[in-house]
Amino acid sequence: MKGNETRSTGVTDLNEHSSRSHALFVVKIESKWYDAETKQNKIKAGKLNLVDLAGSECINKTNAVGERKEEGIKIN
């Protein structure tokens, strides 16, 4: 929620909350246990990357001008 609150958005004719930034959310999961058979500590780990890229909208349909248009060009 903290990251989402600081995310940049902007209004276009196609989307009231058009994303103007990318968002990354990384989930790391680690499981540790003791294997009595091998008498060793074991670890399994995994990582899930969730990526939400900035919105790519057709510039002509957004009717964007000025700074908003420049953002759109760079995003696309």
PDB file of N, CA and C in Angstrom:
ATOM      1  N   MET A   1       0.832  -1.194   0.000  1.00  0.00           N
ATOM      2  CA  MET A   1       0.000   0.000   0.000  1.00  0.00           C
ATOM      3  C   MET A   1       0.872   1.252   0.000  1.00  0.00           C
ATOM      4  N   LYS A   2       1.983   1.197   0.741  1.00  0.00           N
ATOM      5  CA  LYS A   2       2.870   2.357   0.815  1.00  0.00           C
ATOM      6  C   LYS A   2       3.434   2.701  -0.564  1.00  0.00           C
ATOM      7  N   GLY A   3       3.880   1.682  -1.298  1.00  0.00           N
ATOM      8  CA  GLY A   3       4.407   1.903  -2.639  1.00  0.00           C
ATOM      9  C   GLY A   3       3.353   2.420  -3.592  1.00  0.00           C
ATOM     10  N   ASN A   4       2.154   1.888  -3.486  1.00  0.00           N
ATOM     11  CA  ASN A   4       1.069   2.300  -4.369  1.00  0.00           C
ATOM     12  C   ASN A   4       0.667   3.754  -4.123  1.00  0.00           C
ATOM     13  N   GLU A   5       0.788   4.199  -2.868  1.00  0.00           N
ATOM     14  CA  GLU A   5       0.439   5.583  -2.533  1.00  0.00           C
ATOM     15  C   GLU A   5       1.385   6.583  -3.193  1.00  0.00           C
ATOM     16  N   THR A   6       2.626   6.192  -3.430  1.00  0.00           N
ATOM     17  CA  THR A   6       3.602   7.108  -4.014  1.00  0.00           C
ATOM     18  C   THR A   6       3.728   6.952  -5.523  1.00  0.00           C
ATOM     19  N   ARG A   7       2.949   6.054  -6.092  1.00  0.00           N
ATOM     20  CA  ARG A   7       3.001   5.809  -7.525  1.00  0.00           C
ATOM     21  C   ARG A   7       2.396   6.977  -8.299  1.00  0.00           C
ATOM     22  N   SER A   8       3.008   7.325  -9.418  1.00  0.00           N
ATOM     23  CA  SER A   8       2.519   8.431 -10.240  1.00  0.00           C
ATOM     24  C   SER A   8       1.382   7.972 -11.143  1.00  0.00           C
ATOM     25  N   THR A   9       0.320   8.747 -11.155  1.00  0.00           N
ATOM     26  CA  THR A   9      -0.793   8.496 -12.073  1.00  0.00           C
ATOM     27  C   THR A   9      -1.188   9.832 -12.702  1.00  0.00           C
ATOM     28  N   GLY A  10      -1.932   9.759 -13.782  1.00  0.00           N
ATOM     29  CA  GLY A  10      -2.401  10.960 -14.444  1.00  0.00           C
ATOM     30  C   GLY A  10      -3.698  10.683 -15.167  1.00  0.00           C
ATOM     31  N   VAL A  11      -4.459  11.719 -15.400  1.00  0.00           N
ATOM     32  CA  VAL A  11      -5.753  11.600 -16.067  1.00  0.00           C
ATOM     33  C   VAL A  11      -5.552  11.709 -17.572  1.00  0.00           C
ATOM     34  N   THR A  12      -6.166  10.784 -18.314  1.00  0.00           N
ATOM     35  CA  THR A  12      -6.238  10.880 -19.774  1.00  0.00           C
ATOM     36  C   THR A  12      -7.693  10.655 -20.171  1.00  0.00           C
ATOM     37  N   ASP A  13      -8.013  10.883 -21.442  1.00  0.00           N
ATOM     38  CA  ASP A  13      -9.382  10.650 -21.903  1.00  0.00           C
ATOM     39  C   ASP A  13      -9.756   9.169 -21.852  1.00  0.00           C
ATOM     40  N   LEU A  14      -8.758   8.287 -21.806  1.00  0.00           N
ATOM     41  CA  LEU A  14      -9.024   6.851 -21.775  1.00  0.00           C
ATOM     42  C   LEU A  14      -9.042   6.266 -20.370  1.00  0.00           C
ATOM     43  N   ASN A  15      -8.423   6.961 -19.420  1.00  0.00           N
ATOM     44  CA  ASN A  15      -8.263   6.370 -18.099  1.00  0.00           C
ATOM     45  C   ASN A  15      -8.086   7.471 -17.057  1.00  0.00           C
ATOM     46  N   GLU A  16      -8.970   7.480 -16.059  1.00  0.00           N
ATOM     47  CA  GLU A  16      -8.914   8.500 -15.012  1.00  0.00           C
ATOM     48  C   GLU A  16      -7.673   8.355 -14.126  1.00  0.00           C
ATOM     49  N   HIS A  17      -7.181   7.108 -13.980  1.00  0.00           N
ATOM     50  CA  HIS A  17      -6.015   6.842 -13.127  1.00  0.00           C
ATOM     51  C   HIS A  17      -4.925   6.146 -13.940  1.00  0.00           C
ATOM     52  N   SER A  18      -4.545   6.727 -15.055  1.00  0.00           N
ATOM     53  CA  SER A  18      -3.547   6.129 -15.928  1.00  0.00           C
ATOM     54  C   SER A  18      -2.191   6.086 -15.222  1.00  0.00           C
ATOM     55  N   SER A  19      -1.630   4.896 -15.161  1.00  0.00           N
ATOM     56  CA  SER A  19      -0.336   4.730 -14.510  1.00  0.00           C
ATOM     57  C   SER A  19       0.753   5.419 -15.307  1.00  0.00           C
ATOM     58  N   ARG A  20       1.554   6.232 -14.637  1.00  0.00           N
ATOM     59  CA  ARG A  20       2.650   6.932 -15.282  1.00  0.00           C
ATOM     60  C   ARG A  20       3.985   6.374 -14.795  1.00  0.00           C
ATOM     61  N   SER A  21       3.942   5.255 -14.092  1.00  0.00           N
ATOM     62  CA  SER A  21       5.165   4.672 -13.533  1.00  0.00           C
ATOM     63  C   SER A  21       5.054   3.151 -13.517  1.00  0.00           C
ATOM     64  N   HIS A  22       6.193   2.504 -13.409  1.00  0.00           N
ATOM     65  CA  HIS A  22       6.226   1.055 -13.273  1.00  0.00           C
ATOM     66  C   HIS A  22       6.153   0.699 -11.787  1.00  0.00           C
ATOM     67  N   ALA A  23       5.660  -0.492 -11.494  1.00  0.00           N
ATOM     68  CA  ALA A  23       5.641  -0.964 -10.108  1.00  0.00           C
ATOM     69  C   ALA A  23       6.192  -2.385 -10.063  1.00  0.00           C
ATOM     70  N   LEU A  24       7.037  -2.637  -9.086  1.00  0.00           N
ATOM     71  CA  LEU A  24       7.599  -3.967  -8.872  1.00  0.00           C
ATOM     72  C   LEU A  24       7.243  -4.413  -7.466  1.00  0.00           C
ATOM     73  N   PHE A  25       6.833  -5.656  -7.350  1.00  0.00           N
ATOM     74  CA  PHE A  25       6.530  -6.236  -6.040  1.00  0.00           C
ATOM     75  C   PHE A  25       7.214  -7.590  -5.997  1.00  0.00           C
ATOM     76  N   VAL A  26       8.124  -7.759  -5.063  1.00  0.00           N
ATOM     77  CA  VAL A  26       8.906  -8.990  -4.975  1.00  0.00           C
ATOM     78  C   VAL A  26       8.533  -9.722  -3.691  1.00  0.00           C
ATOM     79  N   VAL A  27       8.168 -10.990  -3.835  1.00  0.00           N
ATOM     80  CA  VAL A  27       7.846 -11.833  -2.689  1.00  0.00           C
ATOM     81  C   VAL A  27       8.916 -12.907  -2.589  1.00  0.00           C
ATOM     82  N   LYS A  28       9.601 -12.940  -1.449  1.00  0.00           N
ATOM     83  CA  LYS A  28      10.613 -13.970  -1.211  1.00  0.00           C
ATOM     84  C   LYS A  28      10.075 -14.918  -0.154  1.00  0.00           C
ATOM     85  N   ILE A  29      10.161 -16.204  -0.447  1.00  0.00           N
ATOM     86  CA  ILE A  29       9.672 -17.231   0.481  1.00  0.00           C
ATOM     87  C   ILE A  29      10.822 -18.169   0.783  1.00  0.00           C
ATOM     88  N   GLU A  30      11.017 -18.448   2.072  1.00  0.00           N
ATOM     89  CA  GLU A  30      12.098 -19.338   2.472  1.00  0.00           C
ATOM     90  C   GLU A  30      11.576 -20.313   3.519  1.00  0.00           C
ATOM     91  N   SER A  31      11.912 -21.549   3.332  1.00  0.00           N
ATOM     92  CA  SER A  31      11.507 -22.598   4.272  1.00  0.00           C
ATOM     93  C   SER A  31      12.766 -23.290   4.794  1.00  0.00           C
ATOM     94  N   LYS A  32      12.886 -23.360   6.121  1.00  0.00           N
ATOM     95  CA  LYS A  32      14.041 -24.009   6.742  1.00  0.00           C
ATOM     96  C   LYS A  32      13.550 -25.155   7.617  1.00  0.00           C
ATOM     97  N   TRP A  33      14.287 -26.253   7.580  1.00  0.00           N
ATOM     98  CA  TRP A  33      13.966 -27.373   8.445  1.00  0.00           C
ATOM     99  C   TRP A  33      15.207 -28.214   8.684  1.00  0.00           C
ATOM    100  N   TYR A  34      15.104 -29.027   9.713  1.00  0.00           N
ATOM    101  CA  TYR A  34      16.204 -29.936  10.024  1.00  0.00           C
ATOM    102  C   TYR A  34      15.833 -31.315   9.509  1.00  0.00           C
ATOM    103  N   ASP A  35      16.712 -31.889   8.694  1.00  0.00           N
ATOM    104  CA  ASP A  35      16.505 -33.230   8.138  1.00  0.00           C
ATOM    105  C   ASP A  35      17.206 -34.230   9.057  1.00  0.00           C
ATOM    106  N   ALA A  36      16.420 -34.972   9.837  1.00  0.00           N
ATOM    107  CA  ALA A  36      16.978 -35.917  10.802  1.00  0.00           C
ATOM    108  C   ALA A  36      17.740 -37.046  10.110  1.00  0.00           C
ATOM    109  N   GLU A  37      17.331 -37.404   8.918  1.00  0.00           N
ATOM    110  CA  GLU A  37      17.985 -38.494   8.186  1.00  0.00           C
ATOM    111  C   GLU A  37      19.418 -38.133   7.790  1.00  0.00           C
ATOM    112  N   THR A  38      19.594 -36.918   7.256  1.00  0.00           N
ATOM    113  CA  THR A  38      20.938 -36.492   6.839  1.00  0.00           C
ATOM    114  C   THR A  38      21.642 -35.684   7.926  1.00  0.00           C
ATOM    115  N   LYS A  39      20.907 -35.372   8.989  1.00  0.00           N
ATOM    116  CA  LYS A  39      21.436 -34.573  10.110  1.00  0.00           C
ATOM    117  C   LYS A  39      21.981 -33.230   9.621  1.00  0.00           C
ATOM    118  N   GLN A  40      21.204 -32.610   8.718  1.00  0.00           N
ATOM    119  CA  GLN A  40      21.590 -31.309   8.175  1.00  0.00           C
ATOM    120  C   GLN A  40      20.394 -30.367   8.162  1.00  0.00           C
ATOM    121  N   ASN A  41      20.723 -29.081   8.279  1.00  0.00           N
ATOM    122  CA  ASN A  41      19.681 -28.077   8.092  1.00  0.00           C
ATOM    123  C   ASN A  41      19.438 -27.931   6.597  1.00  0.00           C
ATOM    124  N   LYS A  42      18.189 -27.840   6.204  1.00  0.00           N
ATOM    125  CA  LYS A  42      17.824 -27.711   4.789  1.00  0.00           C
ATOM    126  C   LYS A  42      17.103 -26.376   4.582  1.00  0.00           C
ATOM    127  N   ILE A  43      17.285 -25.842   3.405  1.00  0.00           N
ATOM    128  CA  ILE A  43      16.626 -24.587   3.044  1.00  0.00           C
ATOM    129  C   ILE A  43      16.101 -24.699   1.618  1.00  0.00           C
ATOM    130  N   LYS A  44      14.861 -24.297   1.448  1.00  0.00           N
ATOM    131  CA  LYS A  44      14.290 -24.129   0.109  1.00  0.00           C
ATOM    132  C   LYS A  44      13.850 -22.685   0.012  1.00  0.00           C
ATOM    133  N   ALA A  45      14.152 -22.067  -1.121  1.00  0.00           N
ATOM    134  CA  ALA A  45      13.801 -20.656  -1.279  1.00  0.00           C
ATOM    135  C   ALA A  45      13.203 -20.426  -2.656  1.00  0.00           C
ATOM    136  N   GLY A  46      12.346 -19.449  -2.724  1.00  0.00           N
ATOM    137  CA  GLY A  46      11.743 -19.068  -3.998  1.00  0.00           C
ATOM    138  C   GLY A  46      11.491 -17.574  -4.011  1.00  0.00           C
ATOM    139  N   LYS A  47      11.349 -17.042  -5.197  1.00  0.00           N
ATOM    140  CA  LYS A  47      11.095 -15.611  -5.342  1.00  0.00           C
ATOM    141  C   LYS A  47      10.073 -15.410  -6.458  1.00  0.00           C
ATOM    142  N   LEU A  48       9.086 -14.586  -6.180  1.00  0.00           N
ATOM    143  CA  LEU A  48       8.051 -14.260  -7.152  1.00  0.00           C
ATOM    144  C   LEU A  48       8.146 -12.769  -7.449  1.00  0.00           C
ATOM    145  N   ASN A  49       8.325 -12.423  -8.717  1.00  0.00           N
ATOM    146  CA  ASN A  49       8.381 -11.022  -9.137  1.00  0.00           C
ATOM    147  C   ASN A  49       7.088 -10.663  -9.854  1.00  0.00           C
ATOM    148  N   LEU A  50       6.383  -9.680  -9.334  1.00  0.00           N
ATOM    149  CA  LEU A  50       5.173  -9.171  -9.974  1.00  0.00           C
ATOM    150  C   LEU A  50       5.507  -7.788 -10.530  1.00  0.00           C
ATOM    151  N   VAL A  51       5.218  -7.577 -11.799  1.00  0.00           N
ATOM    152  CA  VAL A  51       5.578  -6.324 -12.464  1.00  0.00           C
ATOM    153  C   VAL A  51       4.339  -5.730 -13.129  1.00  0.00           C
ATOM    154  N   ASP A  52       4.080  -4.477 -12.814  1.00  0.00           N
ATOM    155  CA  ASP A  52       3.001  -3.741 -13.465  1.00  0.00           C
ATOM    156  C   ASP A  52       3.652  -2.576 -14.201  1.00  0.00           C
ATOM    157  N   LEU A  53       3.665  -2.659 -15.522  1.00  0.00           N
ATOM    158  CA  LEU A  53       4.312  -1.613 -16.318  1.00  0.00           C
ATOM    159  C   LEU A  53       3.378  -0.434 -16.528  1.00  0.00           C
ATOM    160  N   ALA A  54       3.971   0.730 -16.692  1.00  0.00           N
ATOM    161  CA  ALA A  54       3.198   1.945 -16.927  1.00  0.00           C
ATOM    162  C   ALA A  54       2.280   1.748 -18.129  1.00  0.00           C
ATOM    163  N   GLY A  55       1.114   2.365 -18.072  1.00  0.00           N
ATOM    164  CA  GLY A  55       0.120   2.203 -19.123  1.00  0.00           C
ATOM    165  C   GLY A  55       0.592   2.675 -20.477  1.00  0.00           C
ATOM    166  N   SER A  56       0.328   1.885 -21.477  1.00  0.00           N
ATOM    167  CA  SER A  56       0.670   2.241 -22.842  1.00  0.00           C
ATOM    168  C   SER A  56      -0.630   2.491 -23.603  1.00  0.00           C
ATOM    169  N   GLU A  57      -0.923   3.753 -23.849  1.00  0.00           N
ATOM    170  CA  GLU A  57      -2.171   4.124 -24.503  1.00  0.00           C
ATOM    171  C   GLU A  57      -1.877   4.813 -25.828  1.00  0.00           C
ATOM    172  N   CYS A  58      -2.771   4.666 -26.746  1.00  0.00           N
ATOM    173  CA  CYS A  58      -2.625   5.329 -28.045  1.00  0.00           C
ATOM    174  C   CYS A  58      -2.711   6.851 -27.831  1.00  0.00           C
ATOM    175  N   ILE A  59      -1.638   7.532 -28.140  1.00  0.00           N
ATOM    176  CA  ILE A  59      -1.559   8.976 -27.907  1.00  0.00           C
ATOM    177  C   ILE A  59      -2.725   9.719 -28.555  1.00  0.00           C
ATOM    178  N   ASN A  60      -3.105   9.359 -29.768  1.00  0.00           N
ATOM    179  CA  ASN A  60      -4.191  10.050 -30.464  1.00  0.00           C
ATOM    180  C   ASN A  60      -5.531   9.910 -29.750  1.00  0.00           C
ATOM    181  N   LYS A  61      -5.752   8.771 -29.075  1.00  0.00           N
ATOM    182  CA  LYS A  61      -7.032   8.545 -28.393  1.00  0.00           C
ATOM    183  C   LYS A  61      -7.090   9.207 -27.026  1.00  0.00           C
ATOM    184  N   THR A  62      -5.940   9.513 -26.433  1.00  0.00           N
ATOM    185  CA  THR A  62      -5.933  10.121 -25.100  1.00  0.00           C
ATOM    186  C   THR A  62      -6.170  11.621 -25.138  1.00  0.00           C
ATOM    187  N   ASN A  63      -5.947  12.223 -26.310  1.00  0.00           N
ATOM    188  CA  ASN A  63      -6.041  13.679 -26.457  1.00  0.00           C
ATOM    189  C   ASN A  63      -5.101  14.399 -25.490  1.00  0.00           C
ATOM    190  N   ALA A  64      -4.013  13.749 -25.132  1.00  0.00           N
ATOM    191  CA  ALA A  64      -3.044  14.344 -24.217  1.00  0.00           C
ATOM    192  C   ALA A  64      -2.273  15.455 -24.911  1.00  0.00           C
ATOM    193  N   VAL A  65      -1.928  16.480 -24.133  1.00  0.00           N
ATOM    194  CA  VAL A  65      -1.117  17.585 -24.637  1.00  0.00           C
ATOM    195  C   VAL A  65      -0.045  17.920 -23.598  1.00  0.00           C
ATOM    196  N   GLY A  66       0.970  18.630 -24.038  1.00  0.00           N
ATOM    197  CA  GLY A  66       2.001  19.111 -23.119  1.00  0.00           C
ATOM    198  C   GLY A  66       2.750  17.997 -22.412  1.00  0.00           C
ATOM    199  N   GLU A  67       2.921  18.174 -21.096  1.00  0.00           N
ATOM    200  CA  GLU A  67       3.691  17.228 -20.283  1.00  0.00           C
ATOM    201  C   GLU A  67       3.095  15.818 -20.324  1.00  0.00           C
ATOM    202  N   ARG A  68       1.769  15.722 -20.258  1.00  0.00           N
ATOM    203  CA  ARG A  68       1.099  14.404 -20.276  1.00  0.00           C
ATOM    204  C   ARG A  68       1.389  13.684 -21.595  1.00  0.00           C
ATOM    205  N   LYS A  69       1.403  14.436 -22.719  1.00  0.00           N
ATOM    206  CA  LYS A  69       1.699  13.843 -24.016  1.00  0.00           C
ATOM    207  C   LYS A  69       3.153  13.342 -24.056  1.00  0.00           C
ATOM    208  N   GLU A  70       4.078  14.145 -23.522  1.00  0.00           N
ATOM    209  CA  GLU A  70       5.495  13.741 -23.492  1.00  0.00           C
ATOM    210  C   GLU A  70       5.678  12.484 -22.648  1.00  0.00           C
ATOM    211  N   GLU A  71       4.974  12.398 -21.520  1.00  0.00           N
ATOM    212  CA  GLU A  71       5.037  11.183 -20.670  1.00  0.00           C
ATOM    213  C   GLU A  71       4.578   9.974 -21.478  1.00  0.00           C
ATOM    214  N   GLY A  72       3.466  10.132 -22.174  1.00  0.00           N
ATOM    215  CA  GLY A  72       2.907   9.050 -22.976  1.00  0.00           C
ATOM    216  C   GLY A  72       3.865   8.568 -24.047  1.00  0.00           C
ATOM    217  N   ILE A  73       4.522   9.505 -24.689  1.00  0.00           N
ATOM    218  CA  ILE A  73       5.495   9.148 -25.736  1.00  0.00           C
ATOM    219  C   ILE A  73       6.632   8.346 -25.132  1.00  0.00           C
ATOM    220  N   LYS A  74       7.142   8.783 -23.986  1.00  0.00           N
ATOM    221  CA  LYS A  74       8.238   8.076 -23.332  1.00  0.00           C
ATOM    222  C   LYS A  74       7.822   6.686 -22.837  1.00  0.00           C
ATOM    223  N   ILE A  75       6.606   6.592 -22.299  1.00  0.00           N
ATOM    224  CA  ILE A  75       6.093   5.303 -21.810  1.00  0.00           C
ATOM    225  C   ILE A  75       5.960   4.330 -22.968  1.00  0.00           C
ATOM    226  N   ASN A  76       5.370   4.787 -24.082  1.00  0.00           N
ATOM    227  CA  ASN A  76       5.162   3.898 -25.227  1.00  0.00           C
ATOM    228  C   ASN A  76       6.494   3.467 -25.812  1.00  0.00           C
TER     229      ASN A  76
END
